[in-house]
Amino acid sequence: MILKMTRFWTRLRLTLEMIKFEHSVFALPFALTGALLACRESGFRADGLGWRLLWIVVAMVAARSAAMAFNRILDAQIDGRNRRTAARHLPAGSLSVTFAWGFTAAASIAFLWAARQLGPVCFLLAPLALSLLFFYSFSKRFTLFSHLILGFCLGMAPAAAWIAMRGTLDPRILWLTAAVMFWTAGFDVIYACQDFEFDCAEGLCSIPRRFGIGRALLIARFLHAGMIVCLLALIASFHLGLLSLAGVAAVVALLIYEHALVKPNDLSRVNAAFFTVNGYVSMLFFAFWAADILLHGSYS
């Protein structure tokens, strides 16, 4: 029994490593920002506010975990042929596909259960959201818009959090959905530049493969510029204050630094641009915007 439990926890640890569980921080702050904006709409008088925020976190983490595990399963053979990803857990054989499927199912059930706790509308929309998350894993096989599809999957988070808090969707929150979509698509394009030659050989669809690395990095800049425009529109829509503008300024500075790290002829610092900088983007964004939302109180 002890041996079985030890094996289970070892496999679970490997699975969490495989899906980069710690990177849940990328989208979670934006989801919490959507939730706080919804709370501000009601003057922070929502019933069970703490529990709702907790279930939003559970739903977000579970949905991302299910989607990442599914992506790793679906791409296991492709990853095995790619020198950069051949050491990943499934192609390397350090984790079984059966356990990965079991984890995907468990995370999916956890997501649906969390959605059920957030109300009938969330529970009704949860299967659609999960389907879209799984659909992304197929998209790079037939469209170069896979980067935007991934972005939309993460961008659903603030809109979903708004629905969880209010029970309905306010179109204004879609500015934040668009901002997250452009931000994610931009850094995913940068990340995909590493696999330019492999994507060409395998016939996989990506912006770097279609336009080349130099133009792909330029497109990533335009996508990140789109994020800033959407954030400014969001500030105007919700009449936010100077702290939110300071948060946008911090994001701009970090994105400029991110793009300075990568060059068409030097992709050695892509991981720093992808993992480290974007983690700071999401956390600093949330710190500034949460402070602004809480300090400004309810809408006038």
C-alpha atoms as a PDB file:
ATOM      1  CA  MET A   1       0.000   0.000   0.000  1.00  0.00           C
ATOM      2  CA  ILE A   2       2.780   2.431   0.962  1.00  0.00           C
ATOM      3  CA  LEU A   3       4.659   1.545  -2.226  1.00  0.00           C
ATOM      4  CA  LYS A   4       1.555   2.204  -4.338  1.00  0.00           C
ATOM      5  CA  MET A   5       1.005   5.573  -2.674  1.00  0.00           C
ATOM      6  CA  THR A   6       4.637   6.479  -3.214  1.00  0.00           C
ATOM      7  CA  ARG A   7       4.362   5.607  -6.896  1.00  0.00           C
ATOM      8  CA  PHE A   8       1.149   7.626  -7.188  1.00  0.00           C
ATOM      9  CA  TRP A   9       2.675  10.754  -5.643  1.00  0.00           C
ATOM     10  CA  THR A  10       5.769  10.367  -7.799  1.00  0.00           C
ATOM     11  CA  ARG A  11       3.607  10.190 -10.928  1.00  0.00           C
ATOM     12  CA  LEU A  12       1.526  13.131  -9.771  1.00  0.00           C
ATOM     13  CA  ARG A  13       4.673  15.180  -9.182  1.00  0.00           C
ATOM     14  CA  LEU A  14       5.924  14.291 -12.659  1.00  0.00           C
ATOM     15  CA  THR A  15       2.575  15.237 -14.148  1.00  0.00           C
ATOM     16  CA  LEU A  16       2.632  18.627 -12.442  1.00  0.00           C
ATOM     17  CA  GLU A  17       6.158  19.130 -13.783  1.00  0.00           C
ATOM     18  CA  MET A  18       4.975  18.114 -17.244  1.00  0.00           C
ATOM     19  CA  ILE A  19       2.150  20.666 -17.348  1.00  0.00           C
ATOM     20  CA  LYS A  20       4.281  23.404 -15.744  1.00  0.00           C
ATOM     21  CA  PHE A  21       1.743  23.737 -12.936  1.00  0.00           C
ATOM     22  CA  GLU A  22       3.450  26.846 -11.579  1.00  0.00           C
ATOM     23  CA  HIS A  23       2.613  28.694 -14.795  1.00  0.00           C
ATOM     24  CA  SER A  24      -1.016  28.882 -13.708  1.00  0.00           C
ATOM     25  CA  VAL A  25       0.138  32.306 -12.505  1.00  0.00           C
ATOM     26  CA  PHE A  26       0.028  33.559 -16.115  1.00  0.00           C
ATOM     27  CA  ALA A  27      -3.766  33.706 -16.472  1.00  0.00           C
ATOM     28  CA  LEU A  28      -4.942  33.601 -12.852  1.00  0.00           C
ATOM     29  CA  PRO A  29      -4.225  37.277 -12.045  1.00  0.00           C
ATOM     30  CA  PHE A  30      -6.313  38.362 -15.031  1.00  0.00           C
ATOM     31  CA  ALA A  31      -9.182  36.130 -13.912  1.00  0.00           C
ATOM     32  CA  LEU A  32      -9.008  37.633 -10.429  1.00  0.00           C
ATOM     33  CA  THR A  33      -8.980  41.124 -11.953  1.00  0.00           C
ATOM     34  CA  GLY A  34     -12.187  40.271 -13.801  1.00  0.00           C
ATOM     35  CA  ALA A  35     -13.692  39.027 -10.545  1.00  0.00           C
ATOM     36  CA  LEU A  36     -12.685  42.200  -8.678  1.00  0.00           C
ATOM     37  CA  LEU A  37     -14.140  44.416 -11.399  1.00  0.00           C
ATOM     38  CA  ALA A  38     -17.394  42.485 -11.092  1.00  0.00           C
ATOM     39  CA  CYS A  39     -17.327  42.902  -7.308  1.00  0.00           C
ATOM     40  CA  ARG A  40     -16.741  46.626  -7.715  1.00  0.00           C
ATOM     41  CA  GLU A  41     -19.814  46.791  -9.948  1.00  0.00           C
ATOM     42  CA  SER A  42     -21.934  45.584  -7.032  1.00  0.00           C
ATOM     43  CA  GLY A  43     -20.134  47.651  -4.406  1.00  0.00           C
ATOM     44  CA  PHE A  44     -18.385  44.546  -3.036  1.00  0.00           C
ATOM     45  CA  ARG A  45     -21.697  43.298  -1.675  1.00  0.00           C
ATOM     46  CA  ALA A  46     -21.749  39.902  -3.420  1.00  0.00           C
ATOM     47  CA  ASP A  47     -22.886  37.020  -1.223  1.00  0.00           C
ATOM     48  CA  GLY A  48     -20.180  34.524  -0.359  1.00  0.00           C
ATOM     49  CA  LEU A  49     -17.482  36.654  -1.980  1.00  0.00           C
ATOM     50  CA  GLY A  50     -14.577  34.728  -0.447  1.00  0.00           C
ATOM     51  CA  TRP A  51     -15.967  31.351  -1.462  1.00  0.00           C
ATOM     52  CA  ARG A  52     -16.650  32.550  -4.992  1.00  0.00           C
ATOM     53  CA  LEU A  53     -13.084  33.766  -5.374  1.00  0.00           C
ATOM     54  CA  LEU A  54     -11.822  30.426  -4.067  1.00  0.00           C
ATOM     55  CA  TRP A  55     -13.920  28.445  -6.535  1.00  0.00           C
ATOM     56  CA  ILE A  56     -12.778  30.730  -9.366  1.00  0.00           C
ATOM     57  CA  VAL A  57      -9.169  29.872  -8.490  1.00  0.00           C
ATOM     58  CA  VAL A  58     -10.001  26.150  -8.355  1.00  0.00           C
ATOM     59  CA  ALA A  59     -11.816  26.315 -11.699  1.00  0.00           C
ATOM     60  CA  MET A  60      -8.973  28.223 -13.365  1.00  0.00           C
ATOM     61  CA  VAL A  61      -6.217  25.921 -12.134  1.00  0.00           C
ATOM     62  CA  ALA A  62      -8.203  22.757 -12.892  1.00  0.00           C
ATOM     63  CA  ALA A  63      -9.142  23.892 -16.415  1.00  0.00           C
ATOM     64  CA  ARG A  64      -5.571  24.825 -17.268  1.00  0.00           C
ATOM     65  CA  SER A  65      -4.254  21.558 -15.814  1.00  0.00           C
ATOM     66  CA  ALA A  66      -6.704  19.493 -17.858  1.00  0.00           C
ATOM     67  CA  ALA A  67      -5.911  21.418 -21.040  1.00  0.00           C
ATOM     68  CA  MET A  68      -2.136  21.177 -20.591  1.00  0.00           C
ATOM     69  CA  ALA A  69      -2.224  17.467 -19.832  1.00  0.00           C
ATOM     70  CA  PHE A  70      -4.433  16.848 -22.878  1.00  0.00           C
ATOM     71  CA  ASN A  71      -2.032  18.882 -25.016  1.00  0.00           C
ATOM     72  CA  ARG A  72       0.951  16.844 -23.832  1.00  0.00           C
ATOM     73  CA  ILE A  73      -0.886  13.584 -24.570  1.00  0.00           C
ATOM     74  CA  LEU A  74      -1.952  14.684 -28.034  1.00  0.00           C
ATOM     75  CA  ASP A  75       1.500  16.008 -28.910  1.00  0.00           C
ATOM     76  CA  ALA A  76       3.539  13.165 -27.387  1.00  0.00           C
ATOM     77  CA  GLN A  77       4.655  11.724 -30.724  1.00  0.00           C
ATOM     78  CA  ILE A  78       5.389  15.148 -32.207  1.00  0.00           C
ATOM     79  CA  ASP A  79       7.341  16.112 -29.086  1.00  0.00           C
ATOM     80  CA  GLY A  80       9.331  12.902 -29.394  1.00  0.00           C
ATOM     81  CA  ARG A  81      10.520  13.891 -32.869  1.00  0.00           C
ATOM     82  CA  ASN A  82      11.488  17.400 -31.787  1.00  0.00           C
ATOM     83  CA  ARG A  83      14.970  17.615 -30.288  1.00  0.00           C
ATOM     84  CA  ARG A  84      13.883  20.511 -28.041  1.00  0.00           C
ATOM     85  CA  THR A  85      10.965  18.581 -26.526  1.00  0.00           C
ATOM     86  CA  ALA A  86      12.083  14.950 -26.782  1.00  0.00           C
ATOM     87  CA  ALA A  87      12.957  14.886 -23.076  1.00  0.00           C
ATOM     88  CA  ARG A  88       9.408  15.740 -22.013  1.00  0.00           C
ATOM     89  CA  HIS A  89       7.854  13.186 -19.698  1.00  0.00           C
ATOM     90  CA  LEU A  90       5.585  11.297 -22.112  1.00  0.00           C
ATOM     91  CA  PRO A  91       7.937  10.897 -25.106  1.00  0.00           C
ATOM     92  CA  ALA A  92      10.818  10.127 -22.728  1.00  0.00           C
ATOM     93  CA  GLY A  93       8.744   7.406 -21.032  1.00  0.00           C
ATOM     94  CA  SER A  94       9.105   8.762 -17.486  1.00  0.00           C
ATOM     95  CA  LEU A  95       5.302   9.056 -17.236  1.00  0.00           C
ATOM     96  CA  SER A  96       2.657   6.773 -18.699  1.00  0.00           C
ATOM     97  CA  VAL A  97      -0.037   7.989 -21.068  1.00  0.00           C
ATOM     98  CA  THR A  98      -2.596   6.110 -18.965  1.00  0.00           C
ATOM     99  CA  PHE A  99      -1.761   8.154 -15.870  1.00  0.00           C
ATOM    100  CA  ALA A 100      -1.809  11.357 -17.928  1.00  0.00           C
ATOM    101  CA  TRP A 101      -5.307  10.503 -19.190  1.00  0.00           C
ATOM    102  CA  GLY A 102      -6.423   9.818 -15.642  1.00  0.00           C
ATOM    103  CA  PHE A 103      -5.053  13.181 -14.514  1.00  0.00           C
ATOM    104  CA  THR A 104      -6.816  14.923 -17.412  1.00  0.00           C
ATOM    105  CA  ALA A 105     -10.115  13.317 -16.442  1.00  0.00           C
ATOM    106  CA  ALA A 106      -9.673  14.201 -12.751  1.00  0.00           C
ATOM    107  CA  ALA A 107      -8.784  17.820 -13.534  1.00  0.00           C
ATOM    108  CA  SER A 108     -11.766  18.081 -15.897  1.00  0.00           C
ATOM    109  CA  ILE A 109     -14.112  16.778 -13.216  1.00  0.00           C
ATOM    110  CA  ALA A 110     -12.621  19.227 -10.698  1.00  0.00           C
ATOM    111  CA  PHE A 111     -13.248  22.066 -13.151  1.00  0.00           C
ATOM    112  CA  LEU A 112     -16.860  21.028 -13.733  1.00  0.00           C
ATOM    113  CA  TRP A 113     -17.419  20.683  -9.987  1.00  0.00           C
ATOM    114  CA  ALA A 114     -15.982  24.152  -9.343  1.00  0.00           C
ATOM    115  CA  ALA A 115     -18.179  25.585 -12.112  1.00  0.00           C
ATOM    116  CA  ARG A 116     -21.199  23.971 -10.470  1.00  0.00           C
ATOM    117  CA  GLN A 117     -20.374  25.753  -7.207  1.00  0.00           C
ATOM    118  CA  LEU A 118     -20.296  29.071  -9.077  1.00  0.00           C
ATOM    119  CA  GLY A 119     -23.866  28.822 -10.305  1.00  0.00           C
ATOM    120  CA  PRO A 120     -26.028  27.371 -13.075  1.00  0.00           C
ATOM    121  CA  VAL A 121     -24.766  29.684 -15.816  1.00  0.00           C
ATOM    122  CA  CYS A 122     -21.134  28.760 -15.140  1.00  0.00           C
ATOM    123  CA  PHE A 123     -21.997  25.070 -14.986  1.00  0.00           C
ATOM    124  CA  LEU A 124     -23.900  25.314 -18.275  1.00  0.00           C
ATOM    125  CA  LEU A 125     -20.977  27.041 -20.020  1.00  0.00           C
ATOM    126  CA  ALA A 126     -18.248  24.861 -18.473  1.00  0.00           C
ATOM    127  CA  PRO A 127     -18.363  22.016 -21.067  1.00  0.00           C
ATOM    128  CA  LEU A 128     -18.104  24.573 -23.890  1.00  0.00           C
ATOM    129  CA  ALA A 129     -15.106  26.213 -22.222  1.00  0.00           C
ATOM    130  CA  LEU A 130     -13.422  22.841 -21.726  1.00  0.00           C
ATOM    131  CA  SER A 131     -14.084  21.899 -25.359  1.00  0.00           C
ATOM    132  CA  LEU A 132     -12.423  25.120 -26.547  1.00  0.00           C
ATOM    133  CA  LEU A 133      -9.409  24.436 -24.337  1.00  0.00           C
ATOM    134  CA  PHE A 134      -9.035  20.957 -25.815  1.00  0.00           C
ATOM    135  CA  PHE A 135      -9.641  22.257 -29.351  1.00  0.00           C
ATOM    136  CA  TYR A 136      -6.533  24.430 -29.141  1.00  0.00           C
ATOM    137  CA  SER A 137      -4.338  21.319 -29.034  1.00  0.00           C
ATOM    138  CA  PHE A 138      -5.511  20.379 -32.554  1.00  0.00           C
ATOM    139  CA  SER A 139      -5.301  23.871 -34.045  1.00  0.00           C
ATOM    140  CA  LYS A 140      -1.601  24.044 -34.940  1.00  0.00           C
ATOM    141  CA  ARG A 141      -2.183  21.121 -37.277  1.00  0.00           C
ATOM    142  CA  PHE A 142      -4.341  23.199 -39.627  1.00  0.00           C
ATOM    143  CA  THR A 143      -4.175  26.969 -38.894  1.00  0.00           C
ATOM    144  CA  LEU A 144      -1.509  29.568 -38.133  1.00  0.00           C
ATOM    145  CA  PHE A 145      -4.127  31.290 -35.945  1.00  0.00           C
ATOM    146  CA  SER A 146      -3.387  28.714 -33.253  1.00  0.00           C
ATOM    147  CA  HIS A 147      -1.545  31.434 -31.313  1.00  0.00           C
ATOM    148  CA  LEU A 148      -4.711  33.538 -31.150  1.00  0.00           C
ATOM    149  CA  ILE A 149      -6.790  30.491 -30.265  1.00  0.00           C
ATOM    150  CA  LEU A 150      -4.496  29.849 -27.317  1.00  0.00           C
ATOM    151  CA  GLY A 151      -4.792  33.508 -26.406  1.00  0.00           C
ATOM    152  CA  PHE A 152      -8.569  33.355 -26.487  1.00  0.00           C
ATOM    153  CA  CYS A 153      -8.517  30.276 -24.261  1.00  0.00           C
ATOM    154  CA  LEU A 154      -6.622  32.223 -21.600  1.00  0.00           C
ATOM    155  CA  GLY A 155      -8.647  35.343 -22.338  1.00  0.00           C
ATOM    156  CA  MET A 156     -11.858  33.560 -21.409  1.00  0.00           C
ATOM    157  CA  ALA A 157     -10.697  33.613 -17.785  1.00  0.00           C
ATOM    158  CA  PRO A 158     -11.629  37.218 -16.838  1.00  0.00           C
ATOM    159  CA  ALA A 159     -14.958  36.986 -18.658  1.00  0.00           C
ATOM    160  CA  ALA A 160     -15.711  33.679 -16.942  1.00  0.00           C
ATOM    161  CA  ALA A 161     -14.781  35.193 -13.575  1.00  0.00           C
ATOM    162  CA  TRP A 162     -17.159  38.077 -14.235  1.00  0.00           C
ATOM    163  CA  ILE A 163     -19.984  35.641 -14.978  1.00  0.00           C
ATOM    164  CA  ALA A 164     -19.107  33.705 -11.824  1.00  0.00           C
ATOM    165  CA  MET A 165     -19.495  36.865  -9.756  1.00  0.00           C
ATOM    166  CA  ARG A 166     -22.473  38.476 -11.524  1.00  0.00           C
ATOM    167  CA  GLY A 167     -24.317  35.661 -13.291  1.00  0.00           C
ATOM    168  CA  THR A 168     -24.301  37.588 -16.590  1.00  0.00           C
ATOM    169  CA  LEU A 169     -21.709  38.932 -19.022  1.00  0.00           C
ATOM    170  CA  ASP A 170     -20.944  42.644 -19.301  1.00  0.00           C
ATOM    171  CA  PRO A 171     -19.480  43.442 -22.758  1.00  0.00           C
ATOM    172  CA  ARG A 172     -16.965  45.826 -21.178  1.00  0.00           C
ATOM    173  CA  ILE A 173     -15.018  42.948 -19.637  1.00  0.00           C
ATOM    174  CA  LEU A 174     -14.339  41.647 -23.149  1.00  0.00           C
ATOM    175  CA  TRP A 175     -11.668  44.352 -23.435  1.00  0.00           C
ATOM    176  CA  LEU A 176      -9.735  42.359 -20.842  1.00  0.00           C
ATOM    177  CA  THR A 177     -10.431  39.123 -22.726  1.00  0.00           C
ATOM    178  CA  ALA A 178      -8.998  40.732 -25.874  1.00  0.00           C
ATOM    179  CA  ALA A 179      -5.995  42.096 -23.959  1.00  0.00           C
ATOM    180  CA  VAL A 180      -5.117  38.657 -22.587  1.00  0.00           C
ATOM    181  CA  MET A 181      -5.654  37.097 -26.013  1.00  0.00           C
ATOM    182  CA  PHE A 182      -3.219  39.493 -27.713  1.00  0.00           C
ATOM    183  CA  TRP A 183      -0.688  39.207 -24.870  1.00  0.00           C
ATOM    184  CA  THR A 184      -0.733  35.404 -24.928  1.00  0.00           C
ATOM    185  CA  ALA A 185      -0.637  35.191 -28.717  1.00  0.00           C
ATOM    186  CA  GLY A 186       2.339  37.558 -28.761  1.00  0.00           C
ATOM    187  CA  PHE A 187       4.486  35.610 -26.357  1.00  0.00           C
ATOM    188  CA  ASP A 188       3.410  32.298 -27.934  1.00  0.00           C
ATOM    189  CA  VAL A 189       4.659  33.551 -31.303  1.00  0.00           C
ATOM    190  CA  ILE A 190       8.002  34.381 -29.679  1.00  0.00           C
ATOM    191  CA  TYR A 191       8.148  30.929 -28.102  1.00  0.00           C
ATOM    192  CA  ALA A 192       7.242  29.226 -31.398  1.00  0.00           C
ATOM    193  CA  CYS A 193      10.249  30.790 -33.097  1.00  0.00           C
ATOM    194  CA  GLN A 194      12.369  28.115 -31.413  1.00  0.00           C
ATOM    195  CA  ASP A 195      10.624  25.445 -33.485  1.00  0.00           C
ATOM    196  CA  PHE A 196      10.795  27.191 -36.865  1.00  0.00           C
ATOM    197  CA  GLU A 197      12.845  24.488 -38.582  1.00  0.00           C
ATOM    198  CA  PHE A 198      10.918  21.646 -36.941  1.00  0.00           C
ATOM    199  CA  ASP A 199       7.537  23.145 -37.871  1.00  0.00           C
ATOM    200  CA  CYS A 200       8.697  23.481 -41.467  1.00  0.00           C
ATOM    201  CA  ALA A 201       9.843  19.856 -41.550  1.00  0.00           C
ATOM    202  CA  GLU A 202       6.659  18.536 -39.907  1.00  0.00           C
ATOM    203  CA  GLY A 203       4.240  20.777 -41.794  1.00  0.00           C
ATOM    204  CA  LEU A 204       2.871  22.296 -38.596  1.00  0.00           C
ATOM    205  CA  CYS A 205       1.194  25.682 -38.784  1.00  0.00           C
ATOM    206  CA  SER A 206       2.670  28.667 -37.007  1.00  0.00           C
ATOM    207  CA  ILE A 207       3.318  32.340 -37.657  1.00  0.00           C
ATOM    208  CA  PRO A 208       7.119  31.849 -37.625  1.00  0.00           C
ATOM    209  CA  ARG A 209       6.847  29.089 -40.220  1.00  0.00           C
ATOM    210  CA  ARG A 210       4.558  31.202 -42.440  1.00  0.00           C
ATOM    211  CA  PHE A 211       6.391  34.527 -42.206  1.00  0.00           C
ATOM    212  CA  GLY A 212       9.879  33.691 -40.961  1.00  0.00           C
ATOM    213  CA  ILE A 213      11.392  34.461 -37.579  1.00  0.00           C
ATOM    214  CA  GLY A 214      12.120  38.150 -38.211  1.00  0.00           C
ATOM    215  CA  ARG A 215       8.592  38.991 -39.313  1.00  0.00           C
ATOM    216  CA  ALA A 216       7.121  36.753 -36.618  1.00  0.00           C
ATOM    217  CA  LEU A 217       8.875  38.783 -33.923  1.00  0.00           C
ATOM    218  CA  LEU A 218       7.494  41.945 -35.530  1.00  0.00           C
ATOM    219  CA  ILE A 219       3.994  40.449 -35.496  1.00  0.00           C
ATOM    220  CA  ALA A 220       4.466  39.613 -31.802  1.00  0.00           C
ATOM    221  CA  ARG A 221       5.193  43.299 -31.170  1.00  0.00           C
ATOM    222  CA  PHE A 222       1.992  44.325 -32.922  1.00  0.00           C
ATOM    223  CA  LEU A 223       0.034  41.784 -30.885  1.00  0.00           C
ATOM    224  CA  HIS A 224       1.467  43.183 -27.664  1.00  0.00           C
ATOM    225  CA  ALA A 225       0.659  46.703 -28.833  1.00  0.00           C
ATOM    226  CA  GLY A 226      -2.912  45.482 -29.284  1.00  0.00           C
ATOM    227  CA  MET A 227      -2.890  44.323 -25.669  1.00  0.00           C
ATOM    228  CA  ILE A 228      -1.984  47.829 -24.480  1.00  0.00           C
ATOM    229  CA  VAL A 229      -4.740  49.415 -26.576  1.00  0.00           C
ATOM    230  CA  CYS A 230      -7.284  47.021 -25.081  1.00  0.00           C
ATOM    231  CA  LEU A 231      -6.109  47.730 -21.531  1.00  0.00           C
ATOM    232  CA  LEU A 232      -6.460  51.478 -22.098  1.00  0.00           C
ATOM    233  CA  ALA A 233      -9.963  50.906 -23.484  1.00  0.00           C
ATOM    234  CA  LEU A 234     -10.761  48.856 -20.380  1.00  0.00           C
ATOM    235  CA  ILE A 235      -9.588  51.686 -18.115  1.00  0.00           C
ATOM    236  CA  ALA A 236     -11.853  54.106 -19.974  1.00  0.00           C
ATOM    237  CA  SER A 237     -14.805  51.708 -19.891  1.00  0.00           C
ATOM    238  CA  PHE A 238     -14.613  51.191 -16.125  1.00  0.00           C
ATOM    239  CA  HIS A 239     -13.407  54.704 -15.228  1.00  0.00           C
ATOM    240  CA  LEU A 240     -10.342  53.415 -13.422  1.00  0.00           C
ATOM    241  CA  GLY A 241      -7.633  55.623 -11.984  1.00  0.00           C
ATOM    242  CA  LEU A 242      -3.936  56.393 -12.043  1.00  0.00           C
ATOM    243  CA  LEU A 243      -2.868  53.127 -10.445  1.00  0.00           C
ATOM    244  CA  SER A 244      -4.330  51.204 -13.379  1.00  0.00           C
ATOM    245  CA  LEU A 245      -2.461  53.482 -15.769  1.00  0.00           C
ATOM    246  CA  ALA A 246       0.701  52.845 -13.766  1.00  0.00           C
ATOM    247  CA  GLY A 247       0.040  49.131 -14.117  1.00  0.00           C
ATOM    248  CA  VAL A 248      -0.220  49.498 -17.886  1.00  0.00           C
ATOM    249  CA  ALA A 249       3.048  51.467 -17.879  1.00  0.00           C
ATOM    250  CA  ALA A 250       4.719  48.625 -15.968  1.00  0.00           C
ATOM    251  CA  VAL A 251       3.388  46.122 -18.504  1.00  0.00           C
ATOM    252  CA  VAL A 252       4.695  48.249 -21.385  1.00  0.00           C
ATOM    253  CA  ALA A 253       8.163  48.396 -19.799  1.00  0.00           C
ATOM    254  CA  LEU A 254       8.234  44.638 -19.275  1.00  0.00           C
ATOM    255  CA  LEU A 255       7.077  43.912 -22.821  1.00  0.00           C
ATOM    256  CA  ILE A 256       9.760  46.203 -24.238  1.00  0.00           C
ATOM    257  CA  TYR A 257      12.309  44.285 -22.180  1.00  0.00           C
ATOM    258  CA  GLU A 258      10.851  40.957 -23.342  1.00  0.00           C
ATOM    259  CA  HIS A 259      11.244  41.893 -26.988  1.00  0.00           C
ATOM    260  CA  ALA A 260      14.763  43.177 -26.342  1.00  0.00           C
ATOM    261  CA  LEU A 261      15.733  39.682 -25.151  1.00  0.00           C
ATOM    262  CA  VAL A 262      15.059  37.976 -28.487  1.00  0.00           C
ATOM    263  CA  LYS A 263      16.574  38.629 -31.900  1.00  0.00           C
ATOM    264  CA  PRO A 264      15.978  36.838 -35.223  1.00  0.00           C
ATOM    265  CA  ASN A 265      19.548  35.485 -35.053  1.00  0.00           C
ATOM    266  CA  ASP A 266      19.640  34.911 -31.283  1.00  0.00           C
ATOM    267  CA  LEU A 267      16.836  32.998 -29.567  1.00  0.00           C
ATOM    268  CA  SER A 268      18.977  31.849 -26.648  1.00  0.00           C
ATOM    269  CA  ARG A 269      16.993  33.917 -24.162  1.00  0.00           C
ATOM    270  CA  VAL A 270      13.494  32.917 -25.262  1.00  0.00           C
ATOM    271  CA  ASN A 271      12.858  31.024 -22.026  1.00  0.00           C
ATOM    272  CA  ALA A 272      13.675  34.124 -19.976  1.00  0.00           C
ATOM    273  CA  ALA A 273      11.337  36.165 -22.169  1.00  0.00           C
ATOM    274  CA  PHE A 274       8.582  33.564 -22.064  1.00  0.00           C
ATOM    275  CA  PHE A 275       8.600  32.335 -18.467  1.00  0.00           C
ATOM    276  CA  THR A 276      10.183  35.016 -16.279  1.00  0.00           C
ATOM    277  CA  VAL A 277       9.043  38.250 -17.906  1.00  0.00           C
ATOM    278  CA  ASN A 278       5.467  37.138 -18.519  1.00  0.00           C
ATOM    279  CA  GLY A 279       5.154  35.976 -14.927  1.00  0.00           C
ATOM    280  CA  TYR A 280       6.087  39.492 -13.831  1.00  0.00           C
ATOM    281  CA  VAL A 281       3.654  40.989 -16.373  1.00  0.00           C
ATOM    282  CA  SER A 282       0.666  39.154 -14.889  1.00  0.00           C
ATOM    283  CA  MET A 283       1.627  39.691 -11.245  1.00  0.00           C
ATOM    284  CA  LEU A 284       2.483  43.390 -11.561  1.00  0.00           C
ATOM    285  CA  PHE A 285      -0.650  43.978 -13.601  1.00  0.00           C
ATOM    286  CA  PHE A 286      -2.769  42.434 -10.876  1.00  0.00           C
ATOM    287  CA  ALA A 287      -1.010  44.302  -8.069  1.00  0.00           C
ATOM    288  CA  PHE A 288      -1.637  47.709  -9.640  1.00  0.00           C
ATOM    289  CA  TRP A 289      -5.147  46.997 -10.879  1.00  0.00           C
ATOM    290  CA  ALA A 290      -6.328  45.303  -7.691  1.00  0.00           C
ATOM    291  CA  ALA A 291      -5.097  48.293  -5.695  1.00  0.00           C
ATOM    292  CA  ASP A 292      -6.898  50.695  -8.037  1.00  0.00           C
ATOM    293  CA  ILE A 293     -10.142  48.706  -7.957  1.00  0.00           C
ATOM    294  CA  LEU A 294     -10.156  48.372  -4.181  1.00  0.00           C
ATOM    295  CA  LEU A 295      -9.206  51.997  -3.519  1.00  0.00           C
ATOM    296  CA  HIS A 296     -11.772  53.475  -5.911  1.00  0.00           C
ATOM    297  CA  GLY A 297     -14.672  51.548  -4.379  1.00  0.00           C
ATOM    298  CA  SER A 298     -17.943  51.120  -6.235  1.00  0.00           C
ATOM    299  CA  TYR A 299     -18.911  52.769  -9.489  1.00  0.00           C
ATOM    300  CA  SER A 300     -20.498  56.176  -9.416  1.00  0.00           C
END
